[in-house]
């Protein structure tokens, strides 16, 4: 089972001139890497299912 993505991107609470853009970039990078991992997990599962479907169709047509 694929776990849900639980990381959130925080809204900046800074209303002044100073802003922690490095932390924002770090957090966005982390979220993006997690999302990429999840997408790759889904791609693997879909590819496995497509292979199974193809094999089942071959078996069905040969009967």
C-alpha atoms as a PDB file:
ATOM      1  CA  UNK A   1       0.000   0.000   0.000  1.00  0.00           C
ATOM      2  CA  UNK A   2       1.238   3.470  -0.829  1.00  0.00           C
ATOM      3  CA  UNK A   3       1.344   5.851   2.102  1.00  0.00           C
ATOM      4  CA  UNK A   4      -0.292   9.243   1.788  1.00  0.00           C
ATOM      5  CA  UNK A   5       1.862  12.311   1.313  1.00  0.00           C
ATOM      6  CA  UNK A   6       1.712  14.210   4.608  1.00  0.00           C
ATOM      7  CA  UNK A   7       4.098  17.114   4.126  1.00  0.00           C
ATOM      8  CA  UNK A   8       2.604  20.556   3.860  1.00  0.00           C
ATOM      9  CA  UNK A   9       4.024  23.767   2.515  1.00  0.00           C
ATOM     10  CA  UNK A  10       3.692  26.412   5.155  1.00  0.00           C
ATOM     11  CA  UNK A  11       2.367  29.819   4.322  1.00  0.00           C
ATOM     12  CA  UNK A  12       4.849  32.527   5.162  1.00  0.00           C
ATOM     13  CA  UNK A  13       4.007  34.197   8.436  1.00  0.00           C
ATOM     14  CA  UNK A  14       6.485  36.944   7.744  1.00  0.00           C
ATOM     15  CA  UNK A  15       4.874  40.228   6.841  1.00  0.00           C
ATOM     16  CA  UNK A  16       8.068  42.205   7.102  1.00  0.00           C
ATOM     17  CA  UNK A  17      11.119  42.656   4.911  1.00  0.00           C
ATOM     18  CA  UNK A  18      12.996  39.640   6.271  1.00  0.00           C
ATOM     19  CA  UNK A  19      12.025  36.257   4.947  1.00  0.00           C
ATOM     20  CA  UNK A  20      13.607  32.814   5.337  1.00  0.00           C
ATOM     21  CA  UNK A  21      13.714  31.887   1.658  1.00  0.00           C
ATOM     22  CA  UNK A  22      16.403  29.245   2.235  1.00  0.00           C
ATOM     23  CA  UNK A  23      14.085  27.335   4.552  1.00  0.00           C
ATOM     24  CA  UNK A  24      11.256  27.703   2.040  1.00  0.00           C
ATOM     25  CA  UNK A  25      13.450  26.279  -0.726  1.00  0.00           C
ATOM     26  CA  UNK A  26      14.590  23.451   1.558  1.00  0.00           C
ATOM     27  CA  UNK A  27      11.010  22.565   2.431  1.00  0.00           C
ATOM     28  CA  UNK A  28       9.839  22.757  -1.180  1.00  0.00           C
ATOM     29  CA  UNK A  29      12.765  20.578  -2.244  1.00  0.00           C
ATOM     30  CA  UNK A  30      11.885  18.003   0.394  1.00  0.00           C
ATOM     31  CA  UNK A  31       8.225  17.997  -0.641  1.00  0.00           C
ATOM     32  CA  UNK A  32       9.168  17.675  -4.303  1.00  0.00           C
ATOM     33  CA  UNK A  33      11.494  14.747  -3.619  1.00  0.00           C
ATOM     34  CA  UNK A  34       8.768  12.981  -1.641  1.00  0.00           C
ATOM     35  CA  UNK A  35       6.285  13.600  -4.467  1.00  0.00           C
ATOM     36  CA  UNK A  36       8.757  12.222  -7.024  1.00  0.00           C
ATOM     37  CA  UNK A  37       9.221   9.082  -4.911  1.00  0.00           C
ATOM     38  CA  UNK A  38       5.443   8.621  -4.683  1.00  0.00           C
ATOM     39  CA  UNK A  39       5.036   9.076  -8.441  1.00  0.00           C
ATOM     40  CA  UNK A  40       7.771   6.524  -9.083  1.00  0.00           C
ATOM     41  CA  UNK A  41       6.012   4.086  -6.727  1.00  0.00           C
ATOM     42  CA  UNK A  42       2.786   4.530  -8.665  1.00  0.00           C
ATOM     43  CA  UNK A  43       4.546   4.083 -12.010  1.00  0.00           C
ATOM     44  CA  UNK A  44       6.056   0.794 -10.808  1.00  0.00           C
ATOM     45  CA  UNK A  45       2.660  -0.470  -9.670  1.00  0.00           C
ATOM     46  CA  UNK A  46       0.958   0.529 -12.922  1.00  0.00           C
ATOM     47  CA  UNK A  47       3.713  -1.124 -14.957  1.00  0.00           C
ATOM     48  CA  UNK A  48       3.348  -4.336 -12.940  1.00  0.00           C
ATOM     49  CA  UNK A  49      -0.411  -4.314 -13.455  1.00  0.00           C
ATOM     50  CA  UNK A  50      -0.044  -3.709 -17.195  1.00  0.00           C
ATOM     51  CA  UNK A  51       2.330  -6.669 -17.408  1.00  0.00           C
ATOM     52  CA  UNK A  52      -0.141  -8.866 -15.514  1.00  0.00           C
ATOM     53  CA  UNK A  53      -2.998  -7.765 -17.785  1.00  0.00           C
ATOM     54  CA  UNK A  54      -0.917  -8.503 -20.897  1.00  0.00           C
ATOM     55  CA  UNK A  55      -0.056 -11.967 -19.588  1.00  0.00           C
ATOM     56  CA  UNK A  56      -3.689 -12.695 -18.748  1.00  0.00           C
ATOM     57  CA  UNK A  57      -4.787 -11.606 -22.239  1.00  0.00           C
ATOM     58  CA  UNK A  58      -2.173 -13.903 -23.802  1.00  0.00           C
ATOM     59  CA  UNK A  59      -3.394 -16.835 -21.697  1.00  0.00           C
ATOM     60  CA  UNK A  60      -6.994 -16.036 -22.552  1.00  0.00           C
ATOM     61  CA  UNK A  61      -6.350 -15.832 -26.300  1.00  0.00           C
ATOM     62  CA  UNK A  62      -4.375 -19.091 -26.345  1.00  0.00           C
ATOM     63  CA  UNK A  63      -7.227 -21.067 -24.721  1.00  0.00           C
END
